[in-house]
Amino acid sequence: MANLARMLPGVAPGNVVAHTACLRPMSGDGHVVLGGVPGAPRVFVATGGGRKGILHGPAMGAACADLVVSGETDLDLTPYDPGRFRES
């Protein structure tokens, strides 16, 4: 807080109420989002790994690269389909 007050004197009387770090994107259902974007041909996403993204990242990246290069992957991506968030 002292270092911050030196840079921004206006916060000097403030108190830290809460803090967090290393937030990572996570989907609403808690599962990764991996695959083609509905209605956007040749647009792919690989996100939503949350705090385990660093563990899932290599596999997600490889699957997404396969999709970009050949349009398919050896993995069943059905559970991770971005289309699952479309309104019915």
N, C-alpha and C. Protein backbone atom coordinates (compact mmCIF):
# COMPACT_ATOMS: atom_id res chain seq x y z
N MET A 1 0.83 -1.18 0.00
CA MET A 1 0.00 0.00 0.00
C MET A 1 0.88 1.26 0.00
N ALA A 2 2.01 1.21 0.70
CA ALA A 2 2.90 2.37 0.75
C ALA A 2 3.45 2.69 -0.63
N ASN A 3 3.86 1.67 -1.39
CA ASN A 3 4.36 1.90 -2.74
C ASN A 3 3.27 2.47 -3.64
N LEU A 4 2.07 1.95 -3.52
CA LEU A 4 0.96 2.46 -4.30
C LEU A 4 0.67 3.92 -3.96
N ALA A 5 0.69 4.25 -2.67
CA ALA A 5 0.44 5.62 -2.23
C ALA A 5 1.49 6.58 -2.77
N ARG A 6 2.72 6.12 -2.92
CA ARG A 6 3.76 6.97 -3.51
C ARG A 6 3.46 7.27 -4.98
N MET A 7 2.93 6.27 -5.69
CA MET A 7 2.61 6.47 -7.11
C MET A 7 1.29 7.20 -7.29
N LEU A 8 0.33 6.91 -6.44
CA LEU A 8 -1.00 7.51 -6.52
C LEU A 8 -1.40 8.05 -5.15
N PRO A 9 -0.97 9.24 -4.81
CA PRO A 9 -1.20 9.78 -3.48
C PRO A 9 -2.67 9.79 -3.05
N GLY A 10 -3.57 9.84 -4.00
CA GLY A 10 -5.00 9.87 -3.67
C GLY A 10 -5.52 8.62 -2.99
N VAL A 11 -4.79 7.51 -3.06
CA VAL A 11 -5.25 6.27 -2.42
C VAL A 11 -4.68 6.11 -1.02
N ALA A 12 -3.87 7.05 -0.58
CA ALA A 12 -3.19 6.94 0.72
C ALA A 12 -4.10 6.61 1.89
N PRO A 13 -5.30 7.16 1.97
CA PRO A 13 -6.13 6.80 3.13
C PRO A 13 -6.87 5.46 2.95
N GLY A 14 -6.69 4.80 1.82
CA GLY A 14 -7.45 3.58 1.53
C GLY A 14 -6.95 2.34 2.24
N ASN A 15 -7.82 1.34 2.29
CA ASN A 15 -7.51 0.03 2.86
C ASN A 15 -7.79 -1.04 1.82
N VAL A 16 -7.01 -2.10 1.83
CA VAL A 16 -7.26 -3.23 0.96
C VAL A 16 -8.39 -4.03 1.58
N VAL A 17 -9.48 -4.19 0.83
CA VAL A 17 -10.64 -4.93 1.32
C VAL A 17 -10.57 -6.38 0.87
N ALA A 18 -10.14 -6.59 -0.38
CA ALA A 18 -10.01 -7.93 -0.93
C ALA A 18 -9.03 -7.87 -2.08
N HIS A 19 -8.41 -8.99 -2.39
CA HIS A 19 -7.52 -9.04 -3.54
C HIS A 19 -7.53 -10.44 -4.11
N THR A 20 -7.11 -10.53 -5.36
CA THR A 20 -7.01 -11.83 -6.02
C THR A 20 -5.94 -11.71 -7.10
N ALA A 21 -5.51 -12.81 -7.61
CA ALA A 21 -4.51 -12.81 -8.67
C ALA A 21 -4.71 -14.03 -9.55
N CYS A 22 -4.16 -13.95 -10.71
CA CYS A 22 -4.11 -15.09 -11.63
C CYS A 22 -5.49 -15.60 -12.05
N LEU A 23 -6.42 -14.69 -12.28
CA LEU A 23 -7.72 -15.11 -12.76
C LEU A 23 -7.59 -15.61 -14.19
N ARG A 24 -8.24 -16.68 -14.49
CA ARG A 24 -8.20 -17.26 -15.81
C ARG A 24 -9.62 -17.44 -16.33
N PRO A 25 -9.81 -17.30 -17.65
CA PRO A 25 -11.16 -17.43 -18.20
C PRO A 25 -11.73 -18.82 -17.97
N MET A 26 -12.98 -18.86 -17.59
CA MET A 26 -13.68 -20.11 -17.36
C MET A 26 -15.08 -19.98 -17.95
N SER A 27 -15.58 -21.04 -18.53
CA SER A 27 -16.91 -20.99 -19.12
C SER A 27 -17.98 -21.06 -18.04
N GLY A 28 -19.19 -20.72 -18.42
CA GLY A 28 -20.31 -20.74 -17.50
C GLY A 28 -20.61 -22.11 -16.94
N ASP A 29 -20.32 -23.16 -17.70
CA ASP A 29 -20.61 -24.52 -17.21
C ASP A 29 -19.36 -25.21 -16.64
N GLY A 30 -18.25 -24.48 -16.60
CA GLY A 30 -17.05 -25.03 -15.99
C GLY A 30 -16.22 -25.93 -16.89
N HIS A 31 -16.62 -26.10 -18.14
CA HIS A 31 -15.87 -26.95 -19.07
C HIS A 31 -15.20 -26.09 -20.12
N VAL A 32 -14.13 -26.59 -20.69
CA VAL A 32 -13.44 -25.83 -21.73
C VAL A 32 -14.36 -25.60 -22.92
N VAL A 33 -14.03 -24.58 -23.68
CA VAL A 33 -14.74 -24.26 -24.93
C VAL A 33 -13.71 -24.47 -26.03
N LEU A 34 -13.96 -25.45 -26.88
CA LEU A 34 -12.96 -25.83 -27.88
C LEU A 34 -13.66 -26.31 -29.13
N GLY A 35 -13.42 -25.61 -30.22
CA GLY A 35 -14.00 -26.02 -31.49
C GLY A 35 -14.36 -24.84 -32.36
N GLY A 36 -15.14 -25.13 -33.40
CA GLY A 36 -15.55 -24.10 -34.34
C GLY A 36 -16.68 -23.25 -33.80
N VAL A 37 -16.64 -21.97 -34.15
CA VAL A 37 -17.67 -21.03 -33.72
C VAL A 37 -18.86 -21.16 -34.68
N PRO A 38 -20.06 -21.45 -34.15
CA PRO A 38 -21.23 -21.59 -35.01
C PRO A 38 -21.48 -20.33 -35.84
N GLY A 39 -21.71 -20.52 -37.13
CA GLY A 39 -22.00 -19.41 -38.01
C GLY A 39 -20.78 -18.64 -38.47
N ALA A 40 -19.61 -19.06 -38.07
CA ALA A 40 -18.38 -18.38 -38.47
C ALA A 40 -17.39 -19.41 -39.00
N PRO A 41 -17.51 -19.75 -40.27
CA PRO A 41 -16.63 -20.78 -40.84
C PRO A 41 -15.15 -20.43 -40.65
N ARG A 42 -14.39 -21.44 -40.29
CA ARG A 42 -12.93 -21.32 -40.12
C ARG A 42 -12.53 -20.41 -38.97
N VAL A 43 -13.44 -20.21 -38.00
CA VAL A 43 -13.11 -19.48 -36.78
C VAL A 43 -13.19 -20.48 -35.64
N PHE A 44 -12.12 -20.60 -34.87
CA PHE A 44 -12.04 -21.59 -33.80
C PHE A 44 -11.67 -20.93 -32.49
N VAL A 45 -12.13 -21.52 -31.39
CA VAL A 45 -11.76 -21.02 -30.06
C VAL A 45 -11.21 -22.16 -29.22
N ALA A 46 -10.34 -21.79 -28.31
CA ALA A 46 -9.78 -22.73 -27.34
C ALA A 46 -9.58 -21.91 -26.07
N THR A 47 -10.55 -21.98 -25.16
CA THR A 47 -10.51 -21.17 -23.95
C THR A 47 -11.29 -21.87 -22.83
N GLY A 48 -11.30 -21.26 -21.68
CA GLY A 48 -12.14 -21.75 -20.59
C GLY A 48 -11.50 -22.80 -19.70
N GLY A 49 -10.20 -22.95 -19.76
CA GLY A 49 -9.54 -23.95 -18.93
C GLY A 49 -9.44 -23.56 -17.46
N GLY A 50 -9.72 -22.29 -17.16
CA GLY A 50 -9.65 -21.83 -15.78
C GLY A 50 -8.26 -22.04 -15.20
N ARG A 51 -8.23 -22.38 -13.93
CA ARG A 51 -6.93 -22.52 -13.27
C ARG A 51 -6.14 -23.72 -13.77
N LYS A 52 -6.79 -24.61 -14.49
CA LYS A 52 -6.07 -25.77 -15.05
C LYS A 52 -5.69 -25.54 -16.50
N GLY A 53 -5.86 -24.31 -16.96
CA GLY A 53 -5.53 -24.01 -18.35
C GLY A 53 -4.10 -24.32 -18.72
N ILE A 54 -3.20 -24.14 -17.78
CA ILE A 54 -1.79 -24.43 -18.08
C ILE A 54 -1.58 -25.94 -18.29
N LEU A 55 -2.43 -26.75 -17.68
CA LEU A 55 -2.35 -28.21 -17.89
C LEU A 55 -3.05 -28.62 -19.18
N HIS A 56 -4.20 -27.99 -19.45
CA HIS A 56 -4.99 -28.34 -20.63
C HIS A 56 -4.46 -27.65 -21.90
N GLY A 57 -3.72 -26.57 -21.72
CA GLY A 57 -3.28 -25.75 -22.84
C GLY A 57 -2.62 -26.49 -23.99
N PRO A 58 -1.65 -27.36 -23.73
CA PRO A 58 -1.00 -28.05 -24.84
C PRO A 58 -1.96 -28.91 -25.66
N ALA A 59 -2.85 -29.64 -25.01
CA ALA A 59 -3.80 -30.48 -25.75
C ALA A 59 -4.83 -29.61 -26.48
N MET A 60 -5.28 -28.55 -25.81
CA MET A 60 -6.24 -27.65 -26.46
C MET A 60 -5.61 -26.98 -27.67
N GLY A 61 -4.35 -26.56 -27.53
CA GLY A 61 -3.65 -25.92 -28.65
C GLY A 61 -3.45 -26.87 -29.81
N ALA A 62 -3.08 -28.12 -29.50
CA ALA A 62 -2.87 -29.11 -30.56
C ALA A 62 -4.18 -29.40 -31.29
N ALA A 63 -5.27 -29.56 -30.53
CA ALA A 63 -6.57 -29.83 -31.16
C ALA A 63 -7.02 -28.65 -32.01
N CYS A 64 -6.84 -27.44 -31.50
CA CYS A 64 -7.24 -26.26 -32.26
C CYS A 64 -6.37 -26.11 -33.51
N ALA A 65 -5.09 -26.40 -33.41
CA ALA A 65 -4.21 -26.35 -34.58
C ALA A 65 -4.65 -27.35 -35.63
N ASP A 66 -5.03 -28.56 -35.19
CA ASP A 66 -5.55 -29.57 -36.13
C ASP A 66 -6.77 -29.03 -36.86
N LEU A 67 -7.67 -28.38 -36.12
CA LEU A 67 -8.88 -27.83 -36.73
C LEU A 67 -8.54 -26.75 -37.76
N VAL A 68 -7.60 -25.91 -37.43
CA VAL A 68 -7.21 -24.83 -38.35
C VAL A 68 -6.59 -25.40 -39.61
N VAL A 69 -5.72 -26.37 -39.44
CA VAL A 69 -4.99 -26.92 -40.59
C VAL A 69 -5.84 -27.85 -41.44
N SER A 70 -6.57 -28.77 -40.81
CA SER A 70 -7.28 -29.79 -41.59
C SER A 70 -8.80 -29.79 -41.41
N GLY A 71 -9.29 -29.02 -40.44
CA GLY A 71 -10.74 -28.99 -40.21
C GLY A 71 -11.24 -30.13 -39.35
N GLU A 72 -10.32 -30.96 -38.85
CA GLU A 72 -10.73 -32.09 -37.99
C GLU A 72 -9.62 -32.41 -37.01
N THR A 73 -9.98 -33.19 -35.99
CA THR A 73 -9.02 -33.63 -34.99
C THR A 73 -9.37 -35.04 -34.57
N ASP A 74 -8.42 -35.74 -33.99
CA ASP A 74 -8.65 -37.12 -33.54
C ASP A 74 -9.51 -37.16 -32.27
N LEU A 75 -9.64 -36.04 -31.58
CA LEU A 75 -10.39 -36.00 -30.33
C LEU A 75 -11.86 -35.75 -30.56
N ASP A 76 -12.71 -36.32 -29.72
CA ASP A 76 -14.14 -36.02 -29.76
C ASP A 76 -14.35 -34.71 -29.01
N LEU A 77 -14.62 -33.66 -29.73
CA LEU A 77 -14.78 -32.34 -29.12
C LEU A 77 -16.23 -31.99 -28.81
N THR A 78 -17.13 -32.94 -29.00
CA THR A 78 -18.56 -32.69 -28.76
C THR A 78 -18.85 -32.06 -27.40
N PRO A 79 -18.27 -32.56 -26.30
CA PRO A 79 -18.59 -31.96 -25.00
C PRO A 79 -18.08 -30.53 -24.84
N TYR A 80 -17.18 -30.10 -25.71
CA TYR A 80 -16.55 -28.79 -25.57
C TYR A 80 -17.01 -27.80 -26.63
N ASP A 81 -17.97 -28.22 -27.45
CA ASP A 81 -18.46 -27.43 -28.58
C ASP A 81 -18.94 -26.04 -28.15
N PRO A 82 -18.38 -24.98 -28.75
CA PRO A 82 -18.85 -23.63 -28.43
C PRO A 82 -20.34 -23.44 -28.67
N GLY A 83 -20.91 -24.21 -29.57
CA GLY A 83 -22.34 -24.11 -29.87
C GLY A 83 -23.26 -24.47 -28.73
N ARG A 84 -22.72 -25.07 -27.68
CA ARG A 84 -23.59 -25.45 -26.56
C ARG A 84 -24.15 -24.24 -25.81
N PHE A 85 -23.61 -23.08 -26.07
CA PHE A 85 -24.10 -21.87 -25.41
C PHE A 85 -25.14 -21.11 -26.23
N ARG A 86 -25.45 -21.61 -27.42
CA ARG A 86 -26.47 -20.96 -28.26
C ARG A 86 -27.84 -21.08 -27.60
N GLU A 87 -28.61 -20.03 -27.77
CA GLU A 87 -29.98 -20.09 -27.28
C GLU A 87 -30.79 -20.95 -28.23
N SER A 88 -31.66 -21.79 -27.68
CA SER A 88 -32.46 -22.70 -28.51
C SER A 88 -33.57 -21.97 -29.20
